[in-house]
Amino acid sequence: MCFYNQAMGQAEKSNHETGEESDPKTFGAYTTIEGQNVQKAIDIFSRPMVAALEALRRRQISGFMGSEEIIAFMLKFIKWFEIHDVSNLTQAILKSFPNKAFNSTFNERLQWLKGFLKWPKDRKNSVTGKDDFLTSETYEAITNTTKSTIAKIKFLLNEAGFQFVLTRKFNSDNLERKFSALRQANGRNYNNMDTKAAIYGIEKLLRTGITYSAVGCNVPISREKQQRGNKNYYV
């Protein structure tokens, strides 16, 4: 996010110096949500990146000495990401991945997540400036995600009878794709989307099959009406 904000600042500065207004179709007009790229975060918070920083630090390269704290910070979040990215039962074997599927609530990673919750809280209370820590949205997202991950794993293993849990399934990709399609249906006019534009976008998504109303809602679609006549539909 720091790199993104810096890029946005440079773009705004350039427009100001040249006296040109931002074109709605250019990079400067996109919102923060639209401009974010998850791959950038993955590339930065990666073990190869940490290994490179550690090598430069040990060689006492100028600008990298005293980087122990940032390396520890990155390793902490890398482990957090890895715990939330367990995708299958063979991932740990084929990729020499340290995190296997959760099959017990006594797993040390759950204990690590509980301890992780204390770190952002203590860090937030220790900084003096607002810009010295995560944004409030990021802080709440990390805290709530960690708490919900712990609760869901315990529930699925202890009460729901699951034999194992894959944490990559705990994502909102489908919901995010829906909102992305909704923005595209309105010409990326995300900032000025009113009720009429939102309804038009949702109707367009329904017509294209990107999303559809569920049986349990109060606005069923025609194909579900037809399927309700099939006795095996509810089996």
Protein backbone atom coordinates (compact mmCIF):
# COMPACT_ATOMS: atom_id res chain seq x y z
CA MET A 1 0.00 0.00 0.00
CA CYS A 2 2.90 2.39 0.64
CA PHE A 3 4.19 1.82 -2.89
CA TYR A 4 0.68 2.28 -4.27
CA ASN A 5 0.07 5.52 -2.36
CA GLN A 6 3.46 6.83 -3.48
CA ALA A 7 2.61 6.08 -7.11
CA MET A 8 -0.76 7.80 -6.74
CA GLY A 9 0.96 10.82 -5.20
CA GLN A 10 3.45 11.03 -8.04
CA ALA A 11 0.64 10.83 -10.60
CA GLU A 12 -1.28 13.64 -8.90
CA LYS A 13 1.88 15.74 -8.63
CA SER A 14 2.60 15.28 -12.33
CA ASN A 15 -0.90 16.39 -13.28
CA HIS A 16 -0.60 19.43 -11.03
CA GLU A 17 2.73 20.51 -12.50
CA THR A 18 1.55 20.19 -16.09
CA GLY A 19 -1.77 21.86 -15.38
CA GLU A 20 -3.66 18.86 -16.77
CA GLU A 21 -6.75 17.48 -15.13
CA SER A 22 -7.00 13.75 -14.47
CA ASP A 23 -8.75 11.93 -17.28
CA PRO A 24 -11.56 9.69 -15.91
CA LYS A 25 -10.22 6.92 -18.12
CA THR A 26 -6.68 7.11 -16.78
CA PHE A 27 -4.92 5.59 -13.79
CA GLY A 28 -5.34 8.66 -11.60
CA ALA A 29 -9.14 8.37 -11.60
CA TYR A 30 -9.31 4.82 -10.24
CA THR A 31 -10.22 4.28 -6.64
CA THR A 32 -7.90 2.73 -4.08
CA ILE A 33 -9.91 -0.50 -4.21
CA GLU A 34 -9.54 -0.76 -7.98
CA GLY A 35 -5.84 0.10 -7.93
CA GLN A 36 -4.78 -2.59 -5.46
CA ASN A 37 -3.03 -5.68 -6.77
CA VAL A 38 -2.78 -8.72 -4.53
CA GLN A 39 0.15 -10.10 -6.52
CA LYS A 40 2.29 -7.14 -5.45
CA ALA A 41 1.76 -8.00 -1.80
CA ILE A 42 2.52 -11.67 -2.51
CA ASP A 43 5.78 -10.72 -4.25
CA ILE A 44 6.85 -8.44 -1.40
CA PHE A 45 5.86 -10.75 1.47
CA SER A 46 7.70 -13.81 0.15
CA ARG A 47 10.51 -15.94 1.52
CA PRO A 48 12.81 -15.21 -1.48
CA MET A 49 12.43 -11.49 -0.73
CA VAL A 50 13.28 -12.07 2.94
CA ALA A 51 16.29 -14.19 1.94
CA ALA A 52 17.53 -11.38 -0.32
CA LEU A 53 17.15 -8.78 2.44
CA GLU A 54 18.92 -11.05 4.93
CA ALA A 55 21.81 -11.63 2.50
CA LEU A 56 22.22 -7.89 1.92
CA ARG A 57 22.08 -7.24 5.66
CA ARG A 58 24.77 -9.84 6.42
CA ARG A 59 27.02 -8.35 3.74
CA GLN A 60 26.51 -4.97 5.43
CA ILE A 61 25.30 -3.33 2.25
CA SER A 62 24.46 0.33 2.77
CA GLY A 63 20.75 0.85 3.38
CA PHE A 64 20.13 -2.71 4.59
CA MET A 65 22.04 -2.73 7.87
CA GLY A 66 19.73 -2.72 10.86
CA SER A 67 16.88 -4.31 8.89
CA GLU A 68 16.27 -7.06 11.43
CA GLU A 69 12.95 -5.60 12.52
CA ILE A 70 11.48 -5.37 9.02
CA ILE A 71 12.65 -8.93 8.28
CA ALA A 72 10.96 -10.19 11.46
CA PHE A 73 7.82 -8.24 10.49
CA MET A 74 7.78 -9.82 7.03
CA LEU A 75 8.36 -13.34 8.36
CA LYS A 76 5.47 -12.93 10.78
CA PHE A 77 3.05 -12.00 8.00
CA ILE A 78 4.45 -14.63 5.64
CA LYS A 79 3.63 -17.31 8.20
CA TRP A 80 0.17 -15.78 8.67
CA PHE A 81 -0.42 -15.91 4.91
CA GLU A 82 0.83 -19.50 4.67
CA ILE A 83 -1.46 -20.66 7.47
CA HIS A 84 -4.40 -19.17 5.57
CA ASP A 85 -3.33 -20.71 2.25
CA VAL A 86 -3.55 -24.46 2.86
CA SER A 87 -5.24 -25.68 -0.33
CA ASN A 88 -5.06 -29.50 -0.38
CA LEU A 89 -3.77 -32.59 1.37
CA THR A 90 -0.67 -33.05 -0.82
CA GLN A 91 0.51 -29.44 -0.85
CA ALA A 92 2.85 -29.93 2.10
CA ILE A 93 4.47 -32.99 0.48
CA LEU A 94 4.80 -31.89 -3.14
CA LYS A 95 5.94 -28.33 -2.37
CA SER A 96 7.84 -29.04 0.87
CA PHE A 97 5.27 -26.78 2.48
CA PRO A 98 5.42 -26.63 6.29
CA ASN A 99 1.68 -26.18 6.75
CA LYS A 100 -0.51 -29.25 6.38
CA ALA A 101 -4.29 -29.43 6.52
CA PHE A 102 -5.70 -28.84 10.00
CA ASN A 103 -6.90 -32.10 11.55
CA SER A 104 -6.72 -31.25 15.25
CA THR A 105 -7.55 -28.27 17.43
CA PHE A 106 -4.32 -28.91 19.35
CA ASN A 107 -2.27 -27.88 16.32
CA GLU A 108 0.57 -25.50 17.20
CA ARG A 109 -0.48 -23.17 14.38
CA LEU A 110 -3.74 -22.43 16.18
CA GLN A 111 -1.75 -21.51 19.26
CA TRP A 112 0.46 -19.31 17.07
CA LEU A 113 -2.61 -17.53 15.68
CA LYS A 114 -3.86 -16.87 19.21
CA GLY A 115 -0.49 -15.34 20.07
CA PHE A 116 -0.50 -13.39 16.82
CA LEU A 117 -3.63 -11.52 17.93
CA LYS A 118 -1.67 -9.89 20.73
CA TRP A 119 1.04 -8.54 18.42
CA PRO A 120 -0.98 -6.01 16.32
CA LYS A 121 -2.76 -4.79 19.46
CA ASP A 122 0.52 -4.18 21.29
CA ARG A 123 2.06 -2.63 18.20
CA LYS A 124 -0.89 -0.27 17.77
CA ASN A 125 -0.57 0.91 21.36
CA SER A 126 3.20 1.42 21.11
CA VAL A 127 3.37 3.67 18.03
CA THR A 128 3.15 7.42 18.39
CA GLY A 129 2.04 8.42 14.91
CA LYS A 130 -0.92 7.22 12.86
CA ASP A 131 1.29 6.61 9.83
CA ASP A 132 3.62 4.35 11.82
CA PHE A 133 1.17 1.45 11.84
CA LEU A 134 -1.38 -0.34 9.70
CA THR A 135 -4.50 1.48 8.59
CA SER A 136 -7.55 0.97 10.78
CA GLU A 137 -9.22 -1.06 8.00
CA THR A 138 -6.21 -3.37 7.64
CA TYR A 139 -5.91 -3.75 11.41
CA GLU A 140 -9.57 -4.72 11.77
CA ALA A 141 -9.40 -7.07 8.78
CA ILE A 142 -6.35 -8.94 10.10
CA THR A 143 -7.77 -9.18 13.61
CA ASN A 144 -11.23 -10.34 12.52
CA THR A 145 -9.81 -12.80 9.97
CA THR A 146 -7.53 -14.37 12.57
CA LYS A 147 -10.31 -14.68 15.15
CA SER A 148 -12.75 -16.16 12.63
CA THR A 149 -10.14 -18.63 11.34
CA ILE A 150 -9.54 -19.96 14.84
CA ALA A 151 -13.27 -20.20 15.57
CA LYS A 152 -14.14 -21.88 12.25
CA ILE A 153 -11.39 -24.49 12.51
CA LYS A 154 -12.46 -25.42 16.04
CA PHE A 155 -16.13 -25.60 15.06
CA LEU A 156 -15.57 -27.69 11.93
CA LEU A 157 -13.29 -30.20 13.68
CA ASN A 158 -15.01 -30.45 17.08
CA GLU A 159 -18.70 -29.94 16.29
CA ALA A 160 -19.31 -30.36 12.56
CA GLY A 161 -17.40 -33.64 12.32
CA PHE A 162 -14.91 -32.58 9.65
CA GLN A 163 -11.77 -34.73 9.38
CA PHE A 164 -9.60 -31.89 8.10
CA VAL A 165 -9.84 -28.19 7.22
CA LEU A 166 -8.31 -26.37 4.23
CA THR A 167 -7.95 -22.70 5.10
CA ARG A 168 -7.77 -21.45 1.50
CA LYS A 169 -11.50 -22.19 1.32
CA PHE A 170 -12.02 -19.34 3.81
CA ASN A 171 -11.94 -16.61 1.19
CA SER A 172 -14.29 -14.11 -0.40
CA ASP A 173 -13.10 -14.55 -3.99
CA ASN A 174 -16.58 -15.24 -5.36
CA LEU A 175 -17.99 -12.17 -3.62
CA GLU A 176 -15.11 -10.01 -4.83
CA ARG A 177 -15.60 -11.25 -8.40
CA LYS A 178 -19.25 -10.28 -8.14
CA PHE A 179 -18.43 -6.74 -7.02
CA SER A 180 -15.76 -6.49 -9.72
CA ALA A 181 -18.30 -7.50 -12.37
CA LEU A 182 -20.75 -4.97 -10.89
CA ARG A 183 -18.19 -2.17 -11.26
CA GLN A 184 -17.44 -3.21 -14.84
CA ALA A 185 -21.15 -3.31 -15.65
CA ASN A 186 -21.30 0.36 -14.67
CA GLY A 187 -18.21 1.43 -16.60
CA ARG A 188 -15.95 1.39 -13.50
CA ASN A 189 -18.05 4.29 -12.18
CA TYR A 190 -17.52 3.04 -8.63
CA ASN A 191 -17.36 6.39 -6.82
CA ASN A 192 -20.61 7.75 -8.27
CA MET A 193 -22.69 4.56 -8.30
CA ASP A 194 -26.21 5.42 -7.16
CA THR A 195 -29.14 3.10 -6.43
CA LYS A 196 -30.34 3.12 -10.03
CA ALA A 197 -26.89 2.22 -11.35
CA ALA A 198 -26.50 -0.56 -8.78
CA ILE A 199 -29.89 -2.08 -9.68
CA TYR A 200 -29.03 -1.89 -13.39
CA GLY A 201 -25.70 -3.60 -12.74
CA ILE A 202 -27.28 -6.41 -10.70
CA GLU A 203 -29.92 -6.99 -13.38
CA LYS A 204 -27.15 -7.23 -15.95
CA LEU A 205 -25.30 -9.79 -13.83
CA LEU A 206 -28.50 -11.84 -13.55
CA ARG A 207 -29.03 -11.78 -17.32
CA THR A 208 -25.46 -12.83 -18.07
CA GLY A 209 -25.51 -15.66 -15.52
CA ILE A 210 -22.64 -14.27 -13.45
CA THR A 211 -24.97 -14.45 -10.47
CA TYR A 212 -28.51 -15.64 -9.87
CA SER A 213 -31.10 -15.55 -7.14
CA ALA A 214 -31.18 -18.51 -4.77
CA VAL A 215 -34.14 -20.79 -4.02
CA GLY A 216 -34.39 -19.40 -0.51
CA CYS A 217 -34.81 -15.79 -1.60
CA ASN A 218 -38.09 -14.02 -2.38
CA VAL A 219 -37.29 -13.35 -6.06
CA PRO A 220 -36.85 -16.77 -7.74
CA ILE A 221 -35.70 -16.99 -11.34
CA SER A 222 -37.42 -19.03 -14.05
CA ARG A 223 -34.93 -21.90 -14.16
CA GLU A 224 -35.38 -22.51 -10.43
CA LYS A 225 -39.16 -22.51 -10.85
CA GLN A 226 -38.78 -25.25 -13.42
CA GLN A 227 -36.40 -27.24 -11.23
CA ARG A 228 -38.77 -27.08 -8.26
CA GLY A 229 -41.03 -29.47 -10.15
CA ASN A 230 -38.32 -32.11 -9.98
CA LYS A 231 -38.63 -34.13 -6.78
CA ASN A 232 -34.92 -34.91 -6.82
CA TYR A 233 -34.08 -31.19 -6.76
CA TYR A 234 -34.24 -31.02 -2.97
CA VAL A 235 -32.52 -34.36 -2.35
